[in-house]
């Protein structure tokens, strides 16, 4: 992640960040999904997180290429 741009990360950075905080004993929770715990060890949860991150990155890229 780049300093000064907290929302400007890509999908790979998000997955690395989540794994890094898990190694420190924190368990990520998606608040907009009824507070369900996100178990990155589960292939299904990892897929969902990857898809959400990819869509967010895609939307950000679209915003950046639009004319002002």
PDB file of N, CA and C in Angstrom:
ATOM      1  N   UNK A   1       0.838  -1.186   0.000  1.00  0.00           N
ATOM      2  CA  UNK A   1       0.000   0.000   0.000  1.00  0.00           C
ATOM      3  C   UNK A   1       0.878   1.244   0.000  1.00  0.00           C
ATOM      4  N   UNK A   2       0.439   2.247  -0.699  1.00  0.00           N
ATOM      5  CA  UNK A   2       1.198   3.484  -0.755  1.00  0.00           C
ATOM      6  C   UNK A   2       0.727   4.428   0.343  1.00  0.00           C
ATOM      7  N   UNK A   3       1.675   5.079   0.999  1.00  0.00           N
ATOM      8  CA  UNK A   3       1.333   6.036   2.045  1.00  0.00           C
ATOM      9  C   UNK A   3       0.564   7.200   1.449  1.00  0.00           C
ATOM     10  N   UNK A   4      -0.440   7.665   2.153  1.00  0.00           N
ATOM     11  CA  UNK A   4      -1.214   8.806   1.696  1.00  0.00           C
ATOM     12  C   UNK A   4      -2.361   8.438   0.773  1.00  0.00           C
ATOM     13  N   UNK A   5      -2.448   7.178   0.385  1.00  0.00           N
ATOM     14  CA  UNK A   5      -3.521   6.727  -0.491  1.00  0.00           C
ATOM     15  C   UNK A   5      -4.153   5.457   0.080  1.00  0.00           C
ATOM     16  N   UNK A   6      -4.858   5.558   1.216  1.00  0.00           N
ATOM     17  CA  UNK A   6      -5.371   4.358   1.867  1.00  0.00           C
ATOM     18  C   UNK A   6      -6.354   3.564   1.014  1.00  0.00           C
ATOM     19  N   UNK A   7      -7.090   4.212   0.121  1.00  0.00           N
ATOM     20  CA  UNK A   7      -8.047   3.494  -0.703  1.00  0.00           C
ATOM     21  C   UNK A   7      -7.478   3.062  -2.044  1.00  0.00           C
ATOM     22  N   UNK A   8      -6.228   3.392  -2.306  1.00  0.00           N
ATOM     23  CA  UNK A   8      -5.647   3.149  -3.623  1.00  0.00           C
ATOM     24  C   UNK A   8      -4.792   1.889  -3.636  1.00  0.00           C
ATOM     25  N   UNK A   9      -5.378   0.767  -3.203  1.00  0.00           N
ATOM     26  CA  UNK A   9      -4.649  -0.484  -3.247  1.00  0.00           C
ATOM     27  C   UNK A   9      -5.287  -1.391  -4.286  1.00  0.00           C
ATOM     28  N   UNK A  10      -4.523  -2.338  -4.781  1.00  0.00           N
ATOM     29  CA  UNK A  10      -5.091  -3.268  -5.748  1.00  0.00           C
ATOM     30  C   UNK A  10      -5.467  -4.574  -5.051  1.00  0.00           C
ATOM     31  N   UNK A  11      -6.028  -5.496  -5.804  1.00  0.00           N
ATOM     32  CA  UNK A  11      -6.530  -6.748  -5.240  1.00  0.00           C
ATOM     33  C   UNK A  11      -5.417  -7.540  -4.554  1.00  0.00           C
ATOM     34  N   UNK A  12      -4.251  -7.605  -5.164  1.00  0.00           N
ATOM     35  CA  UNK A  12      -3.140  -8.358  -4.580  1.00  0.00           C
ATOM     36  C   UNK A  12      -2.700  -7.746  -3.249  1.00  0.00           C
ATOM     37  N   UNK A  13      -2.661  -6.405  -3.182  1.00  0.00           N
ATOM     38  CA  UNK A  13      -2.295  -5.729  -1.939  1.00  0.00           C
ATOM     39  C   UNK A  13      -3.298  -6.031  -0.831  1.00  0.00           C
ATOM     40  N   UNK A  14      -4.584  -6.052  -1.178  1.00  0.00           N
ATOM     41  CA  UNK A  14      -5.607  -6.346  -0.174  1.00  0.00           C
ATOM     42  C   UNK A  14      -5.442  -7.746   0.381  1.00  0.00           C
ATOM     43  N   UNK A  15      -5.246  -8.727  -0.496  1.00  0.00           N
ATOM     44  CA  UNK A  15      -5.077 -10.104  -0.032  1.00  0.00           C
ATOM     45  C   UNK A  15      -3.835 -10.248   0.844  1.00  0.00           C
ATOM     46  N   UNK A  16      -2.755  -9.578   0.478  1.00  0.00           N
ATOM     47  CA  UNK A  16      -1.530  -9.621   1.287  1.00  0.00           C
ATOM     48  C   UNK A  16      -1.754  -8.955   2.637  1.00  0.00           C
ATOM     49  N   UNK A  17      -2.494  -7.837   2.656  1.00  0.00           N
ATOM     50  CA  UNK A  17      -2.782  -7.126   3.904  1.00  0.00           C
ATOM     51  C   UNK A  17      -3.619  -7.996   4.836  1.00  0.00           C
ATOM     52  N   UNK A  18      -4.648  -8.623   4.299  1.00  0.00           N
ATOM     53  CA  UNK A  18      -5.506  -9.480   5.115  1.00  0.00           C
ATOM     54  C   UNK A  18      -4.703 -10.633   5.703  1.00  0.00           C
ATOM     55  N   UNK A  19      -3.855 -11.234   4.905  1.00  0.00           N
ATOM     56  CA  UNK A  19      -3.036 -12.341   5.409  1.00  0.00           C
ATOM     57  C   UNK A  19      -2.070 -11.862   6.484  1.00  0.00           C
ATOM     58  N   UNK A  20      -1.514 -10.661   6.307  1.00  0.00           N
ATOM     59  CA  UNK A  20      -0.583 -10.100   7.283  1.00  0.00           C
ATOM     60  C   UNK A  20      -1.267  -9.855   8.628  1.00  0.00           C
ATOM     61  N   UNK A  21      -2.493  -9.337   8.613  1.00  0.00           N
ATOM     62  CA  UNK A  21      -3.163  -9.090   9.891  1.00  0.00           C
ATOM     63  C   UNK A  21      -3.629 -10.397  10.530  1.00  0.00           C
ATOM     64  N   UNK A  22      -3.917 -11.413   9.714  1.00  0.00           N
ATOM     65  CA  UNK A  22      -4.295 -12.718  10.270  1.00  0.00           C
ATOM     66  C   UNK A  22      -3.127 -13.351  11.012  1.00  0.00           C
ATOM     67  N   UNK A  23      -1.912 -13.159  10.499  1.00  0.00           N
ATOM     68  CA  UNK A  23      -0.744 -13.737  11.170  1.00  0.00           C
ATOM     69  C   UNK A  23      -0.488 -13.078  12.518  1.00  0.00           C
ATOM     70  N   UNK A  24      -1.062 -11.890  12.713  1.00  0.00           N
ATOM     71  CA  UNK A  24      -0.922 -11.190  13.998  1.00  0.00           C
ATOM     72  C   UNK A  24      -2.072 -11.495  14.959  1.00  0.00           C
ATOM     73  N   UNK A  25      -2.942 -12.432  14.566  1.00  0.00           N
ATOM     74  CA  UNK A  25      -4.020 -12.868  15.446  1.00  0.00           C
ATOM     75  C   UNK A  25      -5.345 -12.168  15.252  1.00  0.00           C
ATOM     76  N   UNK A  26      -5.460 -11.314  14.251  1.00  0.00           N
ATOM     77  CA  UNK A  26      -6.726 -10.621  13.985  1.00  0.00           C
ATOM     78  C   UNK A  26      -7.519 -11.408  12.949  1.00  0.00           C
ATOM     79  N   UNK A  27      -8.828 -11.416  13.118  1.00  0.00           N
ATOM     80  CA  UNK A  27      -9.695 -12.110  12.165  1.00  0.00           C
ATOM     81  C   UNK A  27     -10.563 -11.083  11.449  1.00  0.00           C
ATOM     82  N   UNK A  28     -10.420 -10.942  10.126  1.00  0.00           N
ATOM     83  CA  UNK A  28     -11.202  -9.951   9.384  1.00  0.00           C
ATOM     84  C   UNK A  28     -12.696 -10.262   9.418  1.00  0.00           C
ATOM     85  N   UNK A  29     -13.500  -9.217   9.465  1.00  0.00           N
ATOM     86  CA  UNK A  29     -14.957  -9.356   9.451  1.00  0.00           C
ATOM     87  C   UNK A  29     -15.507  -8.418   8.391  1.00  0.00           C
ATOM     88  N   UNK A  30     -16.389  -8.939   7.530  1.00  0.00           N
ATOM     89  CA  UNK A  30     -17.046  -8.092   6.541  1.00  0.00           C
ATOM     90  C   UNK A  30     -18.327  -7.581   7.181  1.00  0.00           C
ATOM     91  N   UNK A  31     -18.386  -6.294   7.494  1.00  0.00           N
ATOM     92  CA  UNK A  31     -19.516  -5.729   8.213  1.00  0.00           C
ATOM     93  C   UNK A  31     -20.785  -5.681   7.384  1.00  0.00           C
ATOM     94  N   UNK A  32     -20.656  -5.510   6.084  1.00  0.00           N
ATOM     95  CA  UNK A  32     -21.844  -5.396   5.247  1.00  0.00           C
ATOM     96  C   UNK A  32     -22.463  -6.758   4.917  1.00  0.00           C
ATOM     97  N   UNK A  33     -21.896  -7.818   5.451  1.00  0.00           N
ATOM     98  CA  UNK A  33     -22.421  -9.172   5.215  1.00  0.00           C
ATOM     99  C   UNK A  33     -22.882  -9.779   6.537  1.00  0.00           C
ATOM    100  N   UNK A  34     -23.651  -9.010   7.295  1.00  0.00           N
ATOM    101  CA  UNK A  34     -24.191  -9.445   8.588  1.00  0.00           C
ATOM    102  C   UNK A  34     -23.103  -9.811   9.587  1.00  0.00           C
ATOM    103  N   UNK A  35     -21.928  -9.219   9.456  1.00  0.00           N
ATOM    104  CA  UNK A  35     -20.851  -9.444  10.409  1.00  0.00           C
ATOM    105  C   UNK A  35     -20.265 -10.844  10.370  1.00  0.00           C
ATOM    106  N   UNK A  36     -20.415 -11.541   9.262  1.00  0.00           N
ATOM    107  CA  UNK A  36     -19.863 -12.889   9.160  1.00  0.00           C
ATOM    108  C   UNK A  36     -18.342 -12.826   9.148  1.00  0.00           C
ATOM    109  N   UNK A  37     -17.713 -13.759   9.855  1.00  0.00           N
ATOM    110  CA  UNK A  37     -16.258 -13.809   9.843  1.00  0.00           C
ATOM    111  C   UNK A  37     -15.771 -14.300   8.491  1.00  0.00           C
ATOM    112  N   UNK A  38     -14.686 -13.731   8.069  1.00  0.00           N
ATOM    113  CA  UNK A  38     -14.089 -14.070   6.789  1.00  0.00           C
ATOM    114  C   UNK A  38     -12.911 -14.995   7.048  1.00  0.00           C
ATOM    115  N   UNK A  39     -13.071 -16.268   6.808  1.00  0.00           N
ATOM    116  CA  UNK A  39     -12.029 -17.255   7.039  1.00  0.00           C
ATOM    117  C   UNK A  39     -11.222 -17.437   5.758  1.00  0.00           C
ATOM    118  N   UNK A  40     -10.060 -16.815   5.713  1.00  0.00           N
ATOM    119  CA  UNK A  40      -9.245 -16.852   4.507  1.00  0.00           C
ATOM    120  C   UNK A  40      -8.737 -18.267   4.231  1.00  0.00           C
ATOM    121  N   UNK A  41      -8.769 -19.135   5.239  1.00  0.00           N
ATOM    122  CA  UNK A  41      -8.361 -20.515   5.034  1.00  0.00           C
ATOM    123  C   UNK A  41      -9.350 -21.289   4.191  1.00  0.00           C
ATOM    124  N   UNK A  42     -10.571 -20.797   4.108  1.00  0.00           N
ATOM    125  CA  UNK A  42     -11.609 -21.451   3.309  1.00  0.00           C
ATOM    126  C   UNK A  42     -11.473 -21.018   1.851  1.00  0.00           C
ATOM    127  N   UNK A  43     -11.448 -21.965   0.932  1.00  0.00           N
ATOM    128  CA  UNK A  43     -11.333 -21.601  -0.478  1.00  0.00           C
ATOM    129  C   UNK A  43     -12.482 -20.702  -0.952  1.00  0.00           C
ATOM    130  N   UNK A  44     -13.692 -20.938  -0.445  1.00  0.00           N
ATOM    131  CA  UNK A  44     -14.838 -20.131  -0.863  1.00  0.00           C
ATOM    132  C   UNK A  44     -14.693 -18.691  -0.392  1.00  0.00           C
ATOM    133  N   UNK A  45     -14.315 -18.490   0.861  1.00  0.00           N
ATOM    134  CA  UNK A  45     -14.141 -17.131   1.386  1.00  0.00           C
ATOM    135  C   UNK A  45     -13.016 -16.397   0.677  1.00  0.00           C
ATOM    136  N   UNK A  46     -11.940 -17.117   0.372  1.00  0.00           N
ATOM    137  CA  UNK A  46     -10.825 -16.497  -0.337  1.00  0.00           C
ATOM    138  C   UNK A  46     -11.264 -16.063  -1.736  1.00  0.00           C
ATOM    139  N   UNK A  47     -12.090 -16.883  -2.386  1.00  0.00           N
ATOM    140  CA  UNK A  47     -12.618 -16.533  -3.704  1.00  0.00           C
ATOM    141  C   UNK A  47     -13.495 -15.289  -3.625  1.00  0.00           C
ATOM    142  N   UNK A  48     -14.396 -15.234  -2.635  1.00  0.00           N
ATOM    143  CA  UNK A  48     -15.287 -14.081  -2.473  1.00  0.00           C
ATOM    144  C   UNK A  48     -14.470 -12.815  -2.228  1.00  0.00           C
ATOM    145  N   UNK A  49     -13.487 -12.881  -1.343  1.00  0.00           N
ATOM    146  CA  UNK A  49     -12.643 -11.715  -1.067  1.00  0.00           C
ATOM    147  C   UNK A  49     -11.902 -11.282  -2.326  1.00  0.00           C
ATOM    148  N   UNK A  50     -11.371 -12.231  -3.075  1.00  0.00           N
ATOM    149  CA  UNK A  50     -10.647 -11.904  -4.303  1.00  0.00           C
ATOM    150  C   UNK A  50     -11.561 -11.225  -5.319  1.00  0.00           C
ATOM    151  N   UNK A  51     -12.781 -11.730  -5.444  1.00  0.00           N
ATOM    152  CA  UNK A  51     -13.729 -11.137  -6.395  1.00  0.00           C
ATOM    153  C   UNK A  51     -14.125  -9.720  -5.967  1.00  0.00           C
ATOM    154  N   UNK A  52     -14.390  -9.521  -4.676  1.00  0.00           N
ATOM    155  CA  UNK A  52     -14.740  -8.187  -4.195  1.00  0.00           C
ATOM    156  C   UNK A  52     -13.588  -7.213  -4.417  1.00  0.00           C
ATOM    157  N   UNK A  53     -12.370  -7.652  -4.151  1.00  0.00           N
ATOM    158  CA  UNK A  53     -11.203  -6.797  -4.350  1.00  0.00           C
ATOM    159  C   UNK A  53     -11.006  -6.470  -5.828  1.00  0.00           C
ATOM    160  N   UNK A  54     -11.221  -7.455  -6.691  1.00  0.00           N
ATOM    161  CA  UNK A  54     -11.059  -7.225  -8.132  1.00  0.00           C
ATOM    162  C   UNK A  54     -12.097  -6.240  -8.656  1.00  0.00           C
ATOM    163  N   UNK A  55     -13.338  -6.349  -8.194  1.00  0.00           N
ATOM    164  CA  UNK A  55     -14.388  -5.419  -8.619  1.00  0.00           C
ATOM    165  C   UNK A  55     -14.077  -4.005  -8.130  1.00  0.00           C
ATOM    166  N   UNK A  56     -13.608  -3.887  -6.883  1.00  0.00           N
ATOM    167  CA  UNK A  56     -13.256  -2.568  -6.347  1.00  0.00           C
ATOM    168  C   UNK A  56     -12.109  -1.949  -7.151  1.00  0.00           C
ATOM    169  N   UNK A  57     -11.111  -2.758  -7.489  1.00  0.00           N
ATOM    170  CA  UNK A  57      -9.987  -2.260  -8.284  1.00  0.00           C
ATOM    171  C   UNK A  57     -10.459  -1.832  -9.677  1.00  0.00           C
ATOM    172  N   UNK A  58     -11.351  -2.609 -10.285  1.00  0.00           N
ATOM    173  CA  UNK A  58     -11.909  -2.291 -11.594  1.00  0.00           C
ATOM    174  C   UNK A  58     -12.666  -0.963 -11.557  1.00  0.00           C
ATOM    175  N   UNK A  59     -13.508  -0.773 -10.532  1.00  0.00           N
ATOM    176  CA  UNK A  59     -14.264   0.474 -10.415  1.00  0.00           C
ATOM    177  C   UNK A  59     -13.339   1.672 -10.249  1.00  0.00           C
ATOM    178  N   UNK A  60     -12.294   1.496  -9.449  1.00  0.00           N
ATOM    179  CA  UNK A  60     -11.343   2.595  -9.248  1.00  0.00           C
ATOM    180  C   UNK A  60     -10.635   2.937 -10.559  1.00  0.00           C
ATOM    181  N   UNK A  61     -10.229   1.911 -11.313  1.00  0.00           N
ATOM    182  CA  UNK A  61      -9.578   2.149 -12.605  1.00  0.00           C
ATOM    183  C   UNK A  61     -10.510   2.876 -13.575  1.00  0.00           C
ATOM    184  N   UNK A  62     -11.796   2.506 -13.562  1.00  0.00           N
ATOM    185  CA  UNK A  62     -12.768   3.199 -14.415  1.00  0.00           C
ATOM    186  C   UNK A  62     -12.889   4.668 -14.025  1.00  0.00           C
ATOM    187  N   UNK A  63     -12.930   4.951 -12.724  1.00  0.00           N
ATOM    188  CA  UNK A  63     -13.014   6.342 -12.261  1.00  0.00           C
ATOM    189  C   UNK A  63     -11.803   7.143 -12.715  1.00  0.00           C
ATOM    190  N   UNK A  64     -10.626   6.529 -12.654  1.00  0.00           N
ATOM    191  CA  UNK A  64      -9.410   7.246 -13.034  1.00  0.00           C
ATOM    192  C   UNK A  64      -9.314   7.526 -14.524  1.00  0.00           C
ATOM    193  N   UNK A  65      -9.954   6.697 -15.354  1.00  0.00           N
ATOM    194  CA  UNK A  65      -9.849   6.928 -16.793  1.00  0.00           C
ATOM    195  C   UNK A  65     -10.951   7.830 -17.324  1.00  0.00           C
ATOM    196  N   UNK A  66     -11.957   8.140 -16.517  1.00  0.00           N
ATOM    197  CA  UNK A  66     -13.020   9.066 -16.957  1.00  0.00           C
ATOM    198  C   UNK A  66     -12.469  10.480 -17.030  1.00  0.00           C
ATOM    199  N   UNK A  67     -12.920  11.229 -18.028  1.00  0.00           N
ATOM    200  CA  UNK A  67     -12.486  12.638 -18.093  1.00  0.00           C
ATOM    201  C   UNK A  67     -13.101  13.444 -16.952  1.00  0.00           C
ATOM    202  N   UNK A  68     -12.384  14.428 -16.495  1.00  0.00           N
ATOM    203  CA  UNK A  68     -12.858  15.256 -15.368  1.00  0.00           C
ATOM    204  C   UNK A  68     -13.948  16.203 -15.779  1.00  0.00           C
TER     205      UNK A  68
END
